[in-house]
Amino acid sequence: MAVYKKVYRPYEGRLTGPLARLLVIPRYAFEDLHRSKFLNTFFIATLIYPLICALIIYVQHNASALQLLNVQNARGLISINVTFFLSLLGWQSVMALFMAAFVGPGQVSPDLANNGLSLYLARPFSRVEYVLGKMSILVVLMSLMTWIPGLLLFLLQGYLEGWSWMTDNARIASGIFFGSWVWILLLSLLALALSAWVKWKPAAGALMFVLFFVTSAFGATINAVERTHWGNLASISYLVGSIWVQLFEGANKTTNGAVFFRSPIGEEVPLWYCWAGLTAIVLACLYMLARKIRGAEVVR
C-alpha cells in the first residue's frame, strides 16, 4: 500500500472504566515497591508497636497470663484509655512520615524528569486521576500503619472489655479514623508536591523531615523570643496534635496530645487557626501540583 493512503484512524475499541484506569498506577507502583527489601523490612517493623499494644490488651484481660507473669494489678500499670490510643497514633504517624519520605519523592519526579507525564495525559487520563493514582499508593501504605491497626486494637479492647466500653469510648474510634486521615492526606499531598518540584529524591525526602522537625523548632523559638503562643502556628506537629486532641476528647481535655504531636496545656491557640493553617498547606500543595502536572512543558 502506498504511504499516502495510510490515514489516521482513531481507536474504536471498548474503553476501560475510570476506576480500572485509576488503578493502573498503584498496581505497577506496588510491584516496584515490593522488590525493595528495605521497604518491606521497614513496613513489617512498623507493625511491631501495634503488636505490642495488642499483647498488652490481651494480657490485661487474661487471668492465666497474669498469674504466669506474677502480676496482680496489671490494670494499674497501663490504662487502656485516650492516652494509650493517642500514643499509638502518634508513634505510627511518625513511622508514616518516614514511609512517605522514602516512597513519596519517587512518584512524580521520574515522570517529569523523563518527560513521561505526556504519555499519561495523552490517554483518557486526566490530571486529577493522575494525582489520585499517585496519592493512592501513599494512602494505602499509611492506612495500613495508622487507622487500620488503631481500629483493630479498639475492637480488640471492646471485645474483651464489653459493649459498654465501646459505646462509652466511641469518640476514641472516630478520633483514630479522622485523625489518621488528616495526617495521611497532608503527608500525601506534601510528598507529591515536593516530588514534583524537587527532582532529586534524597533532597525531597529530607525536606519532609525539615518541614516537620524544623518548623517545630522555629515555632518554639518564636514563642521564646516573643513570649507568645502564636509561634505554635508555624509547627505542623502542633497543628496536627491540637486537632487530634479535639477529635479524641472534645472540649474536656485531659491530655496534651500524642508523642511527637504535643499541644501543651496553657499554650493553646484557637482551633480554627489550626484548621486554617493545615488548609493553607494543603492549598499550597495543590497549587504546586497544578503548576507541574501538565501534559506539555513550555520552556522560555
Protein backbone atom coordinates (compact mmCIF):
# COMPACT_ATOMS: atom_id res chain seq x y z
CA MET A 1 0.00 0.00 0.00
CA ALA A 2 1.27 3.45 -0.83
CA VAL A 3 2.32 5.64 2.10
CA TYR A 4 -0.04 8.48 1.22
CA LYS A 5 -3.00 6.11 1.51
CA LYS A 6 -2.28 5.36 5.17
CA VAL A 7 -4.52 7.80 7.01
CA TYR A 8 -5.06 8.21 10.76
CA ARG A 9 -7.75 6.03 12.25
CA PRO A 10 -8.82 6.66 15.84
CA TYR A 11 -9.20 3.79 18.27
CA GLU A 12 -12.73 2.45 18.13
CA GLY A 13 -12.48 -0.35 20.70
CA ARG A 14 -14.00 -0.55 24.15
CA LEU A 15 -12.55 1.78 26.78
CA THR A 16 -11.88 0.56 30.29
CA GLY A 17 -13.77 2.15 33.16
CA PRO A 18 -12.44 5.16 35.08
CA LEU A 19 -11.72 3.08 38.19
CA ALA A 20 -9.77 0.48 36.22
CA ARG A 21 -7.67 3.23 34.62
CA LEU A 22 -7.09 4.81 38.02
CA LEU A 23 -5.80 1.52 39.49
CA VAL A 24 -3.14 1.11 36.79
CA ILE A 25 -0.71 3.47 38.55
CA PRO A 26 -0.84 1.91 42.05
CA ARG A 27 -0.78 -1.61 40.62
CA TYR A 28 2.59 -1.17 38.92
CA ALA A 29 3.90 1.05 41.73
CA PHE A 30 3.24 -1.63 44.36
CA GLU A 31 5.03 -4.16 42.18
CA ASP A 32 8.11 -1.93 42.16
CA LEU A 33 7.90 -1.29 45.91
CA HIS A 34 7.57 -5.00 46.57
CA ARG A 35 11.01 -5.55 45.04
CA SER A 36 12.64 -3.30 47.65
CA LYS A 37 13.80 -5.41 50.60
CA PHE A 38 14.43 -2.31 52.69
CA LEU A 39 10.87 -1.02 52.34
CA ASN A 40 9.42 -4.46 53.01
CA THR A 41 11.52 -4.78 56.17
CA PHE A 42 10.65 -1.27 57.30
CA PHE A 43 6.92 -1.82 56.75
CA ILE A 44 6.99 -5.01 58.80
CA ALA A 45 8.92 -3.18 61.54
CA THR A 46 6.19 -0.52 61.75
CA LEU A 47 3.75 -3.21 62.87
CA ILE A 48 5.79 -4.13 65.96
CA TYR A 49 4.33 -1.38 68.14
CA PRO A 50 0.68 -2.29 67.34
CA LEU A 51 1.52 -5.94 68.11
CA ILE A 52 2.97 -4.90 71.48
CA CYS A 53 -0.19 -2.91 72.20
CA ALA A 54 -2.33 -5.91 71.26
CA LEU A 55 -0.29 -8.07 73.61
CA ILE A 56 -0.77 -5.56 76.44
CA ILE A 57 -4.54 -5.51 75.89
CA TYR A 58 -4.70 -9.31 75.80
CA VAL A 59 -2.58 -9.80 78.91
CA GLN A 60 -4.70 -7.37 80.91
CA HIS A 61 -7.78 -9.49 80.24
CA ASN A 62 -6.20 -12.92 80.61
CA ALA A 63 -6.09 -14.28 84.15
CA SER A 64 -3.74 -17.18 83.38
CA ALA A 65 -1.27 -14.84 81.68
CA LEU A 66 -1.33 -12.53 84.71
CA GLN A 67 -0.59 -15.45 87.03
CA LEU A 68 2.21 -16.63 84.78
CA LEU A 69 3.80 -13.18 84.82
CA ASN A 70 3.11 -12.84 88.57
CA VAL A 71 1.36 -9.52 88.01
CA GLN A 72 -1.60 -8.96 90.28
CA ASN A 73 -2.70 -5.45 89.30
CA ALA A 74 -1.91 -5.12 85.60
CA ARG A 75 -4.73 -2.64 85.02
CA GLY A 76 -2.96 -0.14 87.26
CA LEU A 77 0.26 -0.38 85.28
CA ILE A 78 -1.06 0.61 81.84
CA SER A 79 -4.52 2.07 81.32
CA ILE A 80 -6.25 1.47 78.00
CA ASN A 81 -7.63 4.96 77.53
CA VAL A 82 -7.29 8.06 75.36
CA THR A 83 -3.60 8.44 76.17
CA PHE A 84 -2.93 4.84 75.14
CA PHE A 85 -4.51 5.24 71.70
CA LEU A 86 -3.11 8.74 71.17
CA SER A 87 0.38 7.41 71.83
CA LEU A 88 -0.24 4.64 69.33
CA LEU A 89 -1.45 7.11 66.71
CA GLY A 90 1.47 9.47 67.35
CA TRP A 91 4.13 6.79 67.03
CA GLN A 92 2.57 5.20 63.95
CA SER A 93 2.17 8.63 62.33
CA VAL A 94 5.90 9.28 62.69
CA MET A 95 6.53 5.92 61.04
CA ALA A 96 4.17 7.03 58.28
CA LEU A 97 6.29 10.17 57.89
CA PHE A 98 9.36 8.01 57.27
CA MET A 99 7.42 5.89 54.78
CA ALA A 100 6.20 8.98 52.91
CA ALA A 101 9.76 10.37 52.85
CA PHE A 102 11.04 7.12 51.31
CA VAL A 103 8.21 6.41 48.85
CA GLY A 104 6.74 9.84 48.01
CA PRO A 105 9.73 11.52 46.30
CA GLY A 106 9.89 8.75 43.70
CA GLN A 107 6.31 9.07 42.50
CA VAL A 108 6.17 12.20 40.33
CA SER A 109 9.79 13.25 39.76
CA PRO A 110 10.70 10.32 37.42
CA ASP A 111 7.75 11.08 35.16
CA LEU A 112 8.75 14.74 34.95
CA ALA A 113 12.47 14.07 34.55
CA ASN A 114 11.93 11.57 31.70
CA ASN A 115 9.08 13.50 30.01
CA GLY A 116 6.71 10.63 30.73
CA LEU A 117 3.84 12.71 32.00
CA SER A 118 2.64 13.48 28.47
CA LEU A 119 2.28 9.71 27.86
CA TYR A 120 -0.18 9.51 30.76
CA LEU A 121 -2.22 12.54 29.78
CA ALA A 122 -2.29 11.62 26.08
CA ARG A 123 -4.62 8.80 27.07
CA PRO A 124 -8.11 9.07 28.61
CA PHE A 125 -6.46 10.02 31.89
CA SER A 126 -6.92 13.42 33.49
CA ARG A 127 -4.53 15.31 35.74
CA VAL A 128 -6.82 14.72 38.71
CA GLU A 129 -6.81 10.97 38.06
CA TYR A 130 -3.03 11.02 37.80
CA VAL A 131 -2.66 12.74 41.18
CA LEU A 132 -5.26 10.47 42.79
CA GLY A 133 -3.48 7.40 41.40
CA LYS A 134 -0.16 8.54 42.85
CA MET A 135 -1.79 9.51 46.15
CA SER A 136 -3.46 6.13 46.49
CA ILE A 137 -0.05 4.48 46.86
CA LEU A 138 0.80 6.52 49.92
CA VAL A 139 -2.76 6.40 51.27
CA VAL A 140 -2.85 2.59 51.24
CA LEU A 141 0.57 2.21 52.87
CA MET A 142 -0.08 4.78 55.59
CA SER A 143 -3.59 3.49 56.25
CA LEU A 144 -2.13 0.06 56.98
CA MET A 145 0.16 1.76 59.50
CA THR A 146 -2.25 4.16 61.27
CA TRP A 147 -6.02 3.90 61.43
CA ILE A 148 -6.40 0.24 60.44
CA PRO A 149 -4.28 -1.19 63.30
CA GLY A 150 -5.70 1.51 65.60
CA LEU A 151 -9.29 0.47 64.97
CA LEU A 152 -8.38 -3.22 65.22
CA LEU A 153 -6.91 -2.59 68.66
CA PHE A 154 -10.01 -0.62 69.62
CA LEU A 155 -12.20 -3.54 68.56
CA LEU A 156 -9.99 -5.96 70.48
CA GLN A 157 -10.27 -3.89 73.64
CA GLY A 158 -14.03 -3.54 73.13
CA TYR A 159 -14.42 -7.29 72.59
CA LEU A 160 -12.52 -8.13 75.78
CA GLU A 161 -13.90 -5.29 77.90
CA GLY A 162 -17.51 -5.39 76.76
CA TRP A 163 -20.00 -3.49 74.62
CA SER A 164 -20.49 -0.79 77.23
CA TRP A 165 -16.81 0.19 76.97
CA MET A 166 -17.12 0.59 73.19
CA THR A 167 -20.18 2.82 73.46
CA ASP A 168 -18.62 4.93 76.20
CA ASN A 169 -15.40 5.37 74.20
CA ALA A 170 -16.79 5.63 70.68
CA ARG A 171 -15.11 9.02 70.33
CA ILE A 172 -11.72 7.29 70.51
CA ALA A 173 -12.57 5.23 67.41
CA SER A 174 -13.71 8.31 65.49
CA GLY A 175 -10.61 10.16 66.65
CA ILE A 176 -8.34 7.38 65.37
CA PHE A 177 -10.08 7.31 61.99
CA PHE A 178 -10.44 11.02 61.25
CA GLY A 179 -7.19 11.96 62.96
CA SER A 180 -5.30 9.46 60.81
CA TRP A 181 -6.89 10.77 57.63
CA VAL A 182 -5.91 14.34 58.48
CA TRP A 183 -2.29 13.25 58.70
CA ILE A 184 -2.46 10.89 55.69
CA LEU A 185 -3.91 13.48 53.30
CA LEU A 186 -1.47 16.14 54.50
CA LEU A 187 1.56 13.87 54.08
CA SER A 188 0.41 12.51 50.70
CA LEU A 189 -0.09 15.94 49.15
CA LEU A 190 3.12 17.27 50.68
CA ALA A 191 5.15 14.32 49.40
CA LEU A 192 3.74 14.61 45.86
CA ALA A 193 4.23 18.38 45.75
CA LEU A 194 7.86 18.09 46.84
CA SER A 195 8.38 15.24 44.38
CA ALA A 196 7.08 17.44 41.56
CA TRP A 197 9.32 20.39 42.38
CA VAL A 198 12.46 18.71 43.76
CA LYS A 199 13.61 16.10 41.25
CA TRP A 200 16.47 14.78 43.41
CA LYS A 201 14.86 12.11 45.59
CA PRO A 202 17.14 12.40 48.66
CA ALA A 203 16.60 16.16 48.78
CA ALA A 204 12.81 15.79 48.51
CA GLY A 205 12.80 13.19 51.28
CA ALA A 206 14.98 15.37 53.50
CA LEU A 207 12.60 18.29 53.02
CA MET A 208 9.80 16.18 54.51
CA PHE A 209 11.73 15.93 57.77
CA VAL A 210 12.78 19.59 57.61
CA LEU A 211 9.17 20.72 57.36
CA PHE A 212 8.16 18.50 60.29
CA PHE A 213 11.01 18.98 62.76
CA VAL A 214 12.46 22.37 61.81
CA THR A 215 9.08 24.10 61.82
CA SER A 216 8.54 22.83 65.38
CA ALA A 217 11.87 24.30 66.46
CA PHE A 218 11.09 27.53 64.60
CA GLY A 219 7.74 27.86 66.36
CA ALA A 220 9.34 27.20 69.76
CA THR A 221 11.94 29.89 69.02
CA ILE A 222 9.24 32.43 68.19
CA ASN A 223 7.44 31.62 71.44
CA ALA A 224 10.62 32.02 73.48
CA VAL A 225 11.74 35.28 71.85
CA GLU A 226 8.36 37.00 71.62
CA ARG A 227 6.91 35.42 74.79
CA THR A 228 3.79 34.34 72.99
CA HIS A 229 1.97 31.17 72.00
CA TRP A 230 1.25 32.16 68.38
CA GLY A 231 4.54 30.70 67.20
CA ASN A 232 2.87 27.29 67.53
CA LEU A 233 1.05 28.04 64.27
CA ALA A 234 4.38 27.58 62.46
CA SER A 235 4.65 24.00 63.77
CA ILE A 236 2.97 21.27 61.75
CA SER A 237 3.20 18.84 64.67
CA TYR A 238 1.40 21.32 66.94
CA LEU A 239 -1.37 21.93 64.40
CA VAL A 240 -1.99 18.22 63.94
CA GLY A 241 -1.70 17.48 67.67
CA SER A 242 -4.26 20.16 68.59
CA ILE A 243 -6.74 18.76 66.08
CA TRP A 244 -6.17 15.24 67.39
CA VAL A 245 -6.91 16.27 70.97
CA GLN A 246 -10.14 17.91 69.82
CA LEU A 247 -11.16 14.82 67.83
CA PHE A 248 -10.38 12.44 70.71
CA GLU A 249 -11.67 14.41 73.69
CA GLY A 250 -13.62 17.43 72.51
CA ALA A 251 -13.74 20.30 75.00
CA ASN A 252 -12.90 18.09 78.01
CA LYS A 253 -9.14 17.89 77.54
CA THR A 254 -7.19 15.59 79.84
CA THR A 255 -4.03 15.16 77.74
CA ASN A 256 -1.68 17.39 75.78
CA GLY A 257 -1.62 15.31 72.60
CA ALA A 258 0.40 12.41 71.30
CA VAL A 259 4.09 11.66 71.25
CA PHE A 260 5.81 13.96 68.69
CA PHE A 261 2.48 15.81 68.35
CA ARG A 262 2.25 17.76 71.58
CA SER A 263 -0.09 20.68 72.18
CA PRO A 264 0.90 21.81 75.71
CA ILE A 265 -1.96 22.76 78.00
CA GLY A 266 -1.93 26.50 78.60
CA GLU A 267 -0.36 27.28 75.22
CA GLU A 268 -3.44 26.69 73.10
CA VAL A 269 -4.43 28.81 70.14
CA PRO A 270 -7.98 28.82 68.74
CA LEU A 271 -8.70 25.55 66.99
CA TRP A 272 -9.93 27.17 63.81
CA TYR A 273 -6.46 28.71 63.40
CA CYS A 274 -5.05 25.17 63.37
CA TRP A 275 -7.53 24.07 60.71
CA ALA A 276 -6.77 27.22 58.70
CA GLY A 277 -3.04 26.51 58.91
CA LEU A 278 -3.42 22.94 57.63
CA THR A 279 -5.83 24.12 54.92
CA ALA A 280 -3.25 26.67 53.76
CA ILE A 281 -0.61 23.93 53.49
CA VAL A 282 -2.98 21.69 51.51
CA LEU A 283 -3.90 24.52 49.12
CA ALA A 284 -0.23 25.34 48.62
CA CYS A 285 0.48 21.70 47.75
CA LEU A 286 -2.42 21.61 45.28
CA TYR A 287 -1.14 24.80 43.66
CA MET A 288 2.36 23.33 43.34
CA LEU A 289 0.95 20.19 41.73
CA ALA A 290 -1.25 22.17 39.35
CA ARG A 291 1.80 24.11 38.15
CA LYS A 292 3.84 20.98 37.43
CA ILE A 293 1.32 18.29 36.41
CA ARG A 294 0.81 19.31 32.80
CA GLY A 295 0.77 17.46 29.50
CA ALA A 296 3.36 19.75 27.93
CA GLU A 297 6.03 21.99 29.41
CA VAL A 298 6.66 25.42 27.95
CA VAL A 299 10.36 26.34 28.11
CA ARG A 300 11.09 30.05 27.98
